[in-house]
Amino acid sequence: MQRIFITLMAWCYVVVLAIAQDGVHKQSAAADYQWPSEPDVLAKLHQWQDLKFGVLLHWGIYSVPGIVESWSICCEDWIKRDTTRTYEQYRKWYFGLADEFKPVQFDPQQWATVMRQAGMKYMIFTTKHHDGFCMYDSRETDYTIARHAFAGDARSDVLRHVLDAFRAENFMLGTYFSKADWHSQYYWWDVYPNRGRNVNYPIKKYPWRWEQFCQFTYRQIEEIMAGYGPVDILWLDGGWVCAENNQDIHMPEIVSMARRHQPGLIVVDRTIRGPYENYQTPEQTIPHEQLAYPWESCITLSDDWGYVPQPRWKSPSKVIGLLAEVVAKGGNMVLGVGPTPQGRIQPEAVQRLQAIGQWLEKNGKAIYGTTITPLYHDGNIWFTASKDGARRYAICTLSDGESLPATIAWKGNEPAKRVRLLATGKTLKFKRDGEKVVVYLPSGLPAEPVALEIE
């Protein structure tokens, strides 16, 4: 993931700045979306669309100091660095974090339990970010968590334990994999200086080296697809590694192989329009309008994808409001949560996630398994519908610190019979006031979003 934050740590001497147009993946154009032609892929994609809410777990060597994932070793204009150490000194320090990453409190069951309590239905875990550090026991490189400071621990093949824990909680399972690998000599070859995020040598001059990288990537993805049980989603980051950017890694062969091992696999080749971007992934944003094809807003619980020492958290009401908007516009939302370097979900995150889950337990009927309705919002009220068309749902969202009003009103989506408070089933009084429906809310409701069922 590419949202960059500013972190000031005197001992690591790095400042990374975010520029939206460079630091965040752009969304593919709607007109270019291609529905999968394979019936089993299409069926799983529709199943995924019903889940609505998932978690994206960023965990890697960058978690040790609590800095942005991978990007501080990339040389691009929007990345700034203190001049007290050279780039090579910094890169050596960063890659050397593998020898400090020893998460002795690693507890994937805690992760899975907390995310289930949050009302999440699917997960995506970072098997390898752009820095090339593998969170599984890859045979293709020694640069893995299983062969450095955590070697010898019974849990060192981290991916296996994470997937097993979430599988036991009935999650749909996704594996994040970066197509770029800045640790690999087949991508960033030390013979040449780095050229930003891209491969740093001329592929036309060294086609054999690029082919080695393609085969390396193929084999690493096959390790994940063949060695860790059933997987539902292959979520590929690093959209600049593509044929359109003269970095063709032979996606047809990769996807064919992956689906041999995982029939019906959803493939998300981020920002690469065409048959291997089965759903689109706007990052840290929500599309302005409803979209009639599969998509997922990737949004963080704090400001950052991974662990940072002093995060600025979103409130439960804020997250619920974002989820309501996403679902009303026809999408899913995956929430970014970064475990600590010790391997736990922070108490402050647990508290917020559990509050979101408590709301969804009472109001999830307005979220899960719903579909869009033509009139999908009026101000801060977002509408969804049951698939049979018998019911619509109105979710009134709140800004932080805002109290619920005594009445809420909207145009369209008029009730034919009744309006119920979804959390309790209580029938509410309503009236028509010109073009608007006015609903009277009971007193004493908590200051959180409220969901109504409209019949």
Protein backbone atom coordinates (compact mmCIF):
# COMPACT_ATOMS: atom_id res chain seq x y z
CA MET A 1 0.00 0.00 0.00
CA GLN A 2 1.28 3.49 -0.76
CA ARG A 3 -0.17 6.07 1.55
CA ILE A 4 2.84 7.82 3.10
CA PHE A 5 2.83 9.54 6.45
CA ILE A 6 5.32 11.80 8.15
CA THR A 7 7.32 10.18 10.92
CA LEU A 8 10.04 11.90 12.89
CA MET A 9 12.36 9.59 14.76
CA ALA A 10 15.78 11.00 15.63
CA TRP A 11 17.45 7.64 15.62
CA CYS A 12 16.19 6.55 12.21
CA TYR A 13 16.68 9.91 10.46
CA VAL A 14 13.93 9.62 7.94
CA VAL A 15 11.06 11.81 6.93
CA VAL A 16 8.62 10.52 4.35
CA LEU A 17 6.06 12.84 2.81
CA ALA A 18 2.84 11.94 1.07
CA ILE A 19 1.61 13.47 -2.14
CA ALA A 20 -1.80 12.15 -3.08
CA GLN A 21 -1.18 11.83 -6.80
CA ASP A 22 2.06 9.88 -6.24
CA GLY A 23 1.56 8.10 -2.93
CA VAL A 24 -1.87 6.55 -3.47
CA HIS A 25 -2.96 4.09 -6.11
CA LYS A 26 -5.38 5.58 -8.60
CA GLN A 27 -8.59 3.81 -9.51
CA SER A 28 -9.00 2.27 -12.94
CA ALA A 29 -11.54 3.81 -15.29
CA ALA A 30 -15.05 2.40 -14.97
CA ALA A 31 -15.42 1.95 -18.71
CA ASP A 32 -12.49 -0.45 -18.76
CA TYR A 33 -13.80 -2.95 -16.21
CA GLN A 34 -14.04 -6.53 -17.50
CA TRP A 35 -16.25 -9.02 -15.75
CA PRO A 36 -14.62 -12.44 -15.28
CA SER A 37 -15.66 -14.97 -17.88
CA GLU A 38 -15.03 -18.01 -15.64
CA PRO A 39 -18.26 -19.09 -13.86
CA ASP A 40 -16.48 -20.15 -10.65
CA VAL A 41 -14.59 -16.85 -10.43
CA LEU A 42 -17.78 -14.90 -11.04
CA ALA A 43 -19.60 -16.90 -8.35
CA LYS A 44 -16.88 -16.22 -5.79
CA LEU A 45 -16.79 -12.56 -6.76
CA HIS A 46 -20.52 -12.25 -6.09
CA GLN A 47 -20.01 -14.03 -2.76
CA TRP A 48 -17.27 -11.53 -1.89
CA GLN A 49 -19.53 -8.61 -2.82
CA ASP A 50 -22.04 -9.74 -0.19
CA LEU A 51 -19.46 -9.67 2.61
CA LYS A 52 -19.01 -5.87 2.47
CA PHE A 53 -16.43 -5.49 5.27
CA GLY A 54 -12.90 -6.86 5.59
CA VAL A 55 -9.47 -6.21 7.09
CA LEU A 56 -6.11 -5.59 5.40
CA LEU A 57 -3.21 -6.48 7.71
CA HIS A 58 0.14 -4.78 7.01
CA TRP A 59 2.94 -6.40 9.00
CA GLY A 60 6.63 -6.54 8.17
CA ILE A 61 10.09 -5.25 9.09
CA TYR A 62 8.79 -1.68 8.83
CA SER A 63 6.71 -2.44 11.92
CA VAL A 64 9.85 -2.64 14.11
CA PRO A 65 10.57 1.14 14.08
CA GLY A 66 6.96 1.97 13.22
CA ILE A 67 7.60 3.67 9.88
CA VAL A 68 5.95 3.66 6.50
CA GLU A 69 6.05 0.30 4.78
CA SER A 70 8.91 -0.03 2.23
CA TRP A 71 8.72 3.45 0.72
CA SER A 72 11.54 5.08 2.68
CA ILE A 73 14.10 3.08 0.63
CA CYS A 74 12.65 4.31 -2.67
CA CYS A 75 14.25 7.30 -4.39
CA GLU A 76 11.48 9.53 -5.71
CA ASP A 77 11.02 13.28 -5.49
CA TRP A 78 8.18 13.09 -2.96
CA ILE A 79 10.30 11.09 -0.50
CA LYS A 80 12.55 13.24 1.69
CA ARG A 81 15.33 12.01 3.90
CA ASP A 82 17.62 13.57 6.50
CA THR A 83 21.13 14.12 5.14
CA THR A 84 22.95 12.85 8.23
CA ARG A 85 23.38 9.42 6.65
CA THR A 86 23.91 8.27 3.10
CA TYR A 87 21.28 6.42 1.13
CA GLU A 88 23.34 3.21 1.25
CA GLN A 89 23.69 3.51 5.03
CA TYR A 90 19.98 3.99 5.36
CA ARG A 91 19.12 1.09 3.05
CA LYS A 92 21.48 -1.20 4.96
CA TRP A 93 19.79 -0.19 8.21
CA TYR A 94 16.33 -0.74 6.76
CA PHE A 95 17.04 -4.18 5.29
CA GLY A 96 18.85 -5.09 8.53
CA LEU A 97 15.60 -4.69 10.47
CA ALA A 98 15.01 -8.34 9.57
CA ASP A 99 17.52 -9.19 12.30
CA GLU A 100 15.45 -7.26 14.86
CA PHE A 101 11.98 -8.46 13.88
CA LYS A 102 11.24 -11.08 16.55
CA PRO A 103 7.51 -10.92 17.36
CA VAL A 104 7.50 -13.14 20.43
CA GLN A 105 3.89 -12.17 21.27
CA PHE A 106 2.62 -13.13 17.79
CA ASP A 107 -0.96 -14.32 18.31
CA PRO A 108 -2.93 -14.73 15.09
CA GLN A 109 -5.89 -16.07 17.02
CA GLN A 110 -6.14 -12.73 18.80
CA TRP A 111 -6.16 -11.03 15.40
CA ALA A 112 -8.86 -13.30 14.01
CA THR A 113 -11.02 -13.03 17.13
CA VAL A 114 -10.84 -9.24 17.19
CA MET A 115 -11.67 -8.97 13.48
CA ARG A 116 -14.61 -11.34 13.85
CA GLN A 117 -15.82 -9.24 16.78
CA ALA A 118 -15.50 -6.19 14.50
CA GLY A 119 -18.01 -7.73 12.08
CA MET A 120 -15.43 -8.30 9.34
CA LYS A 121 -16.04 -11.15 6.92
CA TYR A 122 -12.85 -11.35 4.86
CA MET A 123 -9.15 -10.66 5.34
CA ILE A 124 -6.06 -9.81 3.29
CA PHE A 125 -2.57 -10.37 4.71
CA THR A 126 0.71 -8.96 3.38
CA THR A 127 2.82 -11.94 2.34
CA LYS A 128 5.47 -9.62 0.84
CA HIS A 129 5.61 -5.85 0.51
CA HIS A 130 7.78 -3.90 -1.95
CA ASP A 131 10.85 -4.27 0.29
CA GLY A 132 10.89 -7.99 -0.57
CA PHE A 133 10.74 -9.30 3.01
CA CYS A 134 8.57 -12.43 2.98
CA MET A 135 6.14 -13.14 5.80
CA TYR A 136 6.22 -16.83 4.92
CA ASP A 137 8.93 -19.45 4.52
CA SER A 138 9.85 -18.89 0.88
CA ARG A 139 12.29 -21.30 -0.76
CA GLU A 140 13.20 -18.61 -3.32
CA THR A 141 15.01 -16.25 -0.95
CA ASP A 142 16.61 -16.16 2.49
CA TYR A 143 14.98 -12.78 3.11
CA THR A 144 12.04 -14.14 5.09
CA ILE A 145 10.80 -13.93 8.64
CA ALA A 146 11.42 -17.68 8.97
CA ARG A 147 15.18 -17.27 8.42
CA HIS A 148 16.10 -14.24 10.46
CA ALA A 149 15.46 -13.20 14.07
CA PHE A 150 12.25 -15.26 14.32
CA ALA A 151 13.89 -18.42 12.93
CA GLY A 152 13.45 -21.44 15.17
CA ASP A 153 10.13 -20.27 16.57
CA ALA A 154 7.32 -22.75 15.94
CA ARG A 155 5.29 -19.86 14.47
CA SER A 156 8.01 -18.63 12.08
CA ASP A 157 6.02 -19.52 8.95
CA VAL A 158 3.75 -16.63 9.83
CA LEU A 159 1.43 -16.82 6.83
CA ARG A 160 0.40 -20.38 7.67
CA HIS A 161 -0.61 -19.47 11.20
CA VAL A 162 -2.44 -16.30 10.13
CA LEU A 163 -4.47 -18.09 7.45
CA ASP A 164 -5.26 -21.01 9.76
CA ALA A 165 -6.52 -18.67 12.48
CA PHE A 166 -8.79 -16.71 10.13
CA ARG A 167 -9.92 -19.86 8.35
CA ALA A 168 -11.11 -21.21 11.69
CA GLU A 169 -13.24 -18.06 12.07
CA ASN A 170 -14.83 -18.62 8.62
CA PHE A 171 -13.24 -15.64 6.91
CA MET A 172 -12.79 -15.40 3.17
CA LEU A 173 -9.00 -15.39 2.81
CA GLY A 174 -6.85 -13.03 0.76
CA THR A 175 -3.09 -12.84 0.23
CA TYR A 176 -1.42 -9.51 -0.61
CA PHE A 177 1.72 -9.84 -2.76
CA SER A 178 3.89 -7.06 -4.17
CA LYS A 179 4.91 -7.60 -7.78
CA ALA A 180 7.89 -5.30 -7.17
CA ASP A 181 10.76 -6.59 -5.02
CA TRP A 182 13.34 -3.99 -4.05
CA HIS A 183 15.51 -6.55 -2.26
CA SER A 184 15.86 -8.83 -5.27
CA GLN A 185 18.92 -8.47 -7.47
CA TYR A 186 16.66 -9.39 -10.37
CA TYR A 187 14.68 -6.16 -9.84
CA TRP A 188 17.05 -3.70 -8.17
CA TRP A 189 20.44 -4.84 -9.43
CA ASP A 190 23.35 -3.33 -7.52
CA VAL A 191 25.25 -2.78 -10.77
CA TYR A 192 22.91 0.18 -11.46
CA PRO A 193 21.60 3.00 -9.24
CA ASN A 194 17.94 2.88 -8.27
CA ARG A 195 15.42 4.62 -10.50
CA GLY A 196 12.54 5.27 -8.19
CA ARG A 197 10.13 2.40 -7.77
CA ASN A 198 10.86 0.78 -11.12
CA VAL A 199 13.31 -1.87 -12.22
CA ASN A 200 16.71 -0.17 -12.23
CA TYR A 201 18.40 -1.79 -15.24
CA PRO A 202 17.49 -1.74 -18.95
CA ILE A 203 15.38 -4.84 -19.57
CA LYS A 204 16.09 -4.82 -23.30
CA LYS A 205 19.81 -4.99 -22.58
CA TYR A 206 19.46 -7.72 -19.96
CA PRO A 207 16.37 -9.74 -20.94
CA TRP A 208 17.74 -12.85 -19.23
CA ARG A 209 17.86 -11.02 -15.89
CA TRP A 210 14.30 -9.80 -16.26
CA GLU A 211 13.20 -13.31 -17.15
CA GLN A 212 14.83 -14.49 -13.93
CA PHE A 213 12.70 -11.96 -12.05
CA CYS A 214 9.56 -13.15 -13.84
CA GLN A 215 10.29 -16.77 -12.91
CA PHE A 216 11.17 -15.74 -9.33
CA THR A 217 7.81 -13.96 -9.03
CA TYR A 218 5.93 -16.88 -10.56
CA ARG A 219 7.52 -19.37 -8.17
CA GLN A 220 6.89 -17.21 -5.09
CA ILE A 221 3.22 -16.80 -5.96
CA GLU A 222 2.99 -20.55 -6.59
CA GLU A 223 4.45 -21.20 -3.14
CA ILE A 224 1.57 -19.25 -1.64
CA MET A 225 -1.12 -20.65 -3.91
CA ALA A 226 0.00 -24.29 -3.53
CA GLY A 227 1.30 -24.47 0.01
CA TYR A 228 -1.15 -22.83 2.40
CA GLY A 229 -4.55 -24.42 1.88
CA PRO A 230 -7.60 -22.82 0.28
CA VAL A 231 -7.19 -19.13 -0.60
CA ASP A 232 -9.91 -16.94 -2.12
CA ILE A 233 -8.15 -13.74 -3.22
CA LEU A 234 -4.75 -12.97 -4.74
CA TRP A 235 -4.33 -9.22 -4.14
CA LEU A 236 -1.42 -7.91 -6.21
CA ASP A 237 0.15 -4.55 -5.41
CA GLY A 238 2.81 -2.66 -7.36
CA GLY A 239 0.75 -1.62 -10.36
CA TRP A 240 3.77 -0.12 -12.13
CA VAL A 241 5.05 -3.65 -12.74
CA CYS A 242 3.04 -4.33 -15.86
CA ALA A 243 3.31 -4.78 -19.60
CA GLU A 244 2.04 -1.24 -20.19
CA ASN A 245 5.08 0.04 -18.28
CA ASN A 246 7.48 -2.28 -20.15
CA GLN A 247 7.70 -4.59 -17.14
CA ASP A 248 5.76 -7.60 -18.36
CA ILE A 249 5.78 -10.39 -15.75
CA HIS A 250 3.49 -12.69 -17.79
CA MET A 251 0.26 -12.28 -15.88
CA PRO A 252 -1.71 -14.82 -17.99
CA GLU A 253 0.71 -17.56 -16.94
CA ILE A 254 0.68 -16.46 -13.30
CA VAL A 255 -3.11 -16.36 -13.10
CA SER A 256 -3.51 -19.67 -14.92
CA MET A 257 -1.14 -21.30 -12.46
CA ALA A 258 -2.79 -19.68 -9.44
CA ARG A 259 -6.24 -20.84 -10.49
CA ARG A 260 -5.03 -24.38 -11.10
CA HIS A 261 -4.14 -24.47 -7.42
CA GLN A 262 -7.06 -22.31 -6.27
CA PRO A 263 -10.13 -22.79 -8.51
CA GLY A 264 -12.37 -19.75 -8.59
CA LEU A 265 -9.60 -17.49 -7.26
CA ILE A 266 -10.38 -13.76 -7.34
CA VAL A 267 -7.37 -11.90 -8.76
CA VAL A 268 -6.85 -8.22 -8.01
CA ASP A 269 -4.06 -6.87 -10.22
CA ARG A 270 -4.38 -3.36 -8.86
CA THR A 271 -4.91 -0.52 -11.36
CA ILE A 272 -4.19 -2.79 -14.35
CA ARG A 273 -7.33 -2.58 -16.43
CA GLY A 274 -8.42 -5.86 -17.91
CA PRO A 275 -9.21 -9.48 -17.09
CA TYR A 276 -7.01 -9.73 -13.99
CA GLU A 277 -8.42 -6.81 -12.03
CA ASN A 278 -11.52 -8.64 -10.84
CA TYR A 279 -12.34 -5.78 -8.51
CA GLN A 280 -10.97 -2.26 -8.31
CA THR A 281 -9.30 -0.75 -5.26
CA PRO A 282 -9.60 3.02 -4.71
CA GLU A 283 -7.19 3.78 -1.87
CA GLN A 284 -7.98 6.07 1.07
CA THR A 285 -10.97 7.39 -0.84
CA ILE A 286 -14.53 6.58 -1.86
CA PRO A 287 -15.80 7.09 -5.42
CA HIS A 288 -18.05 10.09 -5.90
CA GLU A 289 -20.93 8.09 -7.38
CA GLN A 290 -22.46 4.63 -7.31
CA LEU A 291 -20.55 2.10 -9.39
CA ALA A 292 -22.15 -0.93 -11.02
CA TYR A 293 -19.10 -3.21 -10.95
CA PRO A 294 -17.06 -4.73 -8.08
CA TRP A 295 -14.81 -2.40 -6.11
CA GLU A 296 -13.29 -2.01 -2.68
CA SER A 297 -12.29 1.14 -0.83
CA CYS A 298 -9.03 0.54 1.06
CA ILE A 299 -9.15 2.77 4.13
CA THR A 300 -7.04 2.73 7.29
CA LEU A 301 -8.23 2.61 10.91
CA SER A 302 -5.56 5.19 11.76
CA ASP A 303 -3.76 7.40 9.24
CA ASP A 304 -1.33 4.61 8.42
CA TRP A 305 -1.38 1.07 7.04
CA GLY A 306 1.12 -0.43 9.46
CA TYR A 307 1.94 0.06 13.11
CA VAL A 308 3.19 3.50 14.19
CA PRO A 309 4.02 4.54 17.77
CA GLN A 310 1.52 7.40 18.07
CA PRO A 311 -1.37 6.77 15.69
CA ARG A 312 -4.27 9.12 15.07
CA TRP A 313 -7.28 6.81 15.17
CA LYS A 314 -10.60 7.12 13.40
CA SER A 315 -13.60 6.85 15.70
CA PRO A 316 -16.03 3.90 15.42
CA SER A 317 -18.73 6.29 14.17
CA LYS A 318 -16.38 7.58 11.47
CA VAL A 319 -15.62 4.05 10.26
CA ILE A 320 -19.31 3.08 10.31
CA GLY A 321 -20.15 6.21 8.32
CA LEU A 322 -17.50 5.38 5.72
CA LEU A 323 -18.76 1.80 5.50
CA ALA A 324 -22.35 2.98 5.02
CA GLU A 325 -21.32 5.29 2.19
CA VAL A 326 -19.22 2.61 0.49
CA VAL A 327 -21.99 0.00 0.63
CA ALA A 328 -24.65 2.47 -0.53
CA LYS A 329 -22.46 3.16 -3.56
CA GLY A 330 -22.12 -0.55 -4.31
CA GLY A 331 -18.69 -1.36 -2.91
CA ASN A 332 -16.89 -3.19 -0.14
CA MET A 333 -14.59 -1.62 2.42
CA VAL A 334 -11.34 -3.17 3.66
CA LEU A 335 -10.00 -1.53 6.82
CA GLY A 336 -6.23 -1.30 7.28
CA VAL A 337 -4.95 -2.47 10.67
CA GLY A 338 -1.26 -2.85 11.54
CA PRO A 339 -0.21 -5.30 14.28
CA THR A 340 2.55 -4.22 16.65
CA PRO A 341 6.15 -5.39 16.11
CA GLN A 342 5.55 -7.81 18.99
CA GLY A 343 2.62 -9.37 17.09
CA ARG A 344 -0.52 -8.05 18.78
CA ILE A 345 -3.42 -5.80 17.84
CA GLN A 346 -3.14 -2.66 19.97
CA PRO A 347 -5.72 -2.20 22.74
CA GLU A 348 -6.81 1.14 21.25
CA ALA A 349 -7.52 -0.61 17.95
CA VAL A 350 -9.31 -3.48 19.69
CA GLN A 351 -11.58 -1.04 21.51
CA ARG A 352 -12.60 0.69 18.28
CA LEU A 353 -13.02 -2.52 16.32
CA GLN A 354 -15.21 -4.05 18.98
CA ALA A 355 -17.41 -0.95 19.04
CA ILE A 356 -17.83 -1.18 15.26
CA GLY A 357 -18.75 -4.84 15.63
CA GLN A 358 -21.31 -4.12 18.32
CA TRP A 359 -23.01 -1.68 15.98
CA LEU A 360 -22.95 -4.18 13.10
CA GLU A 361 -24.34 -6.93 15.30
CA LYS A 362 -27.46 -4.82 15.78
CA ASN A 363 -27.58 -3.13 12.38
CA GLY A 364 -25.74 -5.44 10.00
CA LYS A 365 -28.93 -6.22 8.09
CA ALA A 366 -28.52 -2.80 6.47
CA ILE A 367 -24.96 -3.68 5.35
CA TYR A 368 -24.33 -7.37 4.68
CA GLY A 369 -25.80 -8.96 1.57
CA THR A 370 -27.51 -5.76 0.47
CA THR A 371 -27.69 -4.19 -2.94
CA ILE A 372 -27.82 -0.64 -4.23
CA THR A 373 -30.93 1.44 -4.67
CA PRO A 374 -31.26 4.25 -7.26
CA LEU A 375 -31.80 6.95 -4.62
CA TYR A 376 -28.82 6.06 -2.49
CA HIS A 377 -28.31 9.10 -0.28
CA ASP A 378 -29.71 12.37 0.94
CA GLY A 379 -27.11 14.37 2.82
CA ASN A 380 -25.74 12.22 5.65
CA ILE A 381 -28.34 9.48 5.13
CA TRP A 382 -27.28 6.48 3.03
CA PHE A 383 -29.66 3.92 1.57
CA THR A 384 -29.26 0.22 0.80
CA ALA A 385 -31.81 -2.42 -0.17
CA SER A 386 -32.51 -6.10 0.35
CA LYS A 387 -31.89 -8.19 -2.73
CA ASP A 388 -35.56 -9.14 -3.07
CA GLY A 389 -36.51 -5.46 -3.10
CA ALA A 390 -38.92 -5.87 -0.20
CA ARG A 391 -36.98 -3.63 2.17
CA ARG A 392 -34.77 -0.62 2.04
CA TYR A 393 -32.49 0.62 4.77
CA ALA A 394 -31.57 4.15 5.79
CA ILE A 395 -28.35 4.73 7.74
CA CYS A 396 -28.05 8.17 9.31
CA THR A 397 -24.34 8.88 9.90
CA LEU A 398 -22.87 11.32 12.39
CA SER A 399 -19.79 13.49 12.51
CA ASP A 400 -17.53 13.03 15.52
CA GLY A 401 -19.05 14.75 18.54
CA GLU A 402 -22.45 15.13 16.88
CA SER A 403 -25.62 14.00 18.70
CA LEU A 404 -28.57 12.30 17.10
CA PRO A 405 -31.42 14.71 16.29
CA ALA A 406 -34.98 14.10 17.41
CA THR A 407 -36.06 13.57 13.79
CA ILE A 408 -34.39 12.67 10.54
CA ALA A 409 -35.79 13.48 7.11
CA TRP A 410 -35.07 12.57 3.50
CA LYS A 411 -36.51 12.73 0.02
CA GLY A 412 -37.52 9.58 -1.87
CA ASN A 413 -37.44 5.99 -0.58
CA GLU A 414 -40.82 6.58 0.99
CA PRO A 415 -42.21 3.88 3.29
CA ALA A 416 -45.36 2.11 2.10
CA LYS A 417 -46.13 0.51 5.47
CA ARG A 418 -43.78 1.27 8.31
CA VAL A 419 -40.32 2.33 9.50
CA ARG A 420 -38.49 0.30 12.13
CA LEU A 421 -35.44 1.00 14.23
CA LEU A 422 -33.25 -1.83 13.04
CA ALA A 423 -31.35 -2.28 16.31
CA THR A 424 -34.51 -3.00 18.32
CA GLY A 425 -37.27 -3.71 15.82
CA LYS A 426 -39.30 -0.87 17.30
CA THR A 427 -41.80 0.71 14.89
CA LEU A 428 -41.25 4.45 14.60
CA LYS A 429 -43.67 7.24 13.91
CA PHE A 430 -43.21 9.02 10.60
CA LYS A 431 -45.00 11.57 8.46
CA ARG A 432 -44.78 13.02 4.97
CA ASP A 433 -43.92 16.69 4.88
CA GLY A 434 -44.12 17.82 1.27
CA GLU A 435 -41.44 15.91 -0.63
CA LYS A 436 -39.81 14.65 2.53
CA VAL A 437 -40.29 11.73 4.89
CA VAL A 438 -39.80 12.76 8.52
CA VAL A 439 -39.05 9.99 11.05
CA TYR A 440 -39.25 10.53 14.80
CA LEU A 441 -36.43 8.88 16.72
CA PRO A 442 -36.90 7.64 20.30
CA SER A 443 -35.10 9.55 23.02
CA GLY A 444 -32.07 8.11 24.75
CA LEU A 445 -30.38 6.59 21.71
CA PRO A 446 -26.56 6.58 21.83
CA ALA A 447 -24.69 9.15 19.78
CA GLU A 448 -23.83 6.80 16.95
CA PRO A 449 -25.14 6.14 13.45
CA VAL A 450 -28.70 4.86 13.38
CA ALA A 451 -30.11 2.35 10.88
CA LEU A 452 -33.78 2.14 9.90
CA GLU A 453 -35.69 -0.54 8.01
CA ILE A 454 -38.17 0.87 5.49
CA GLU A 455 -41.18 -1.18 4.31
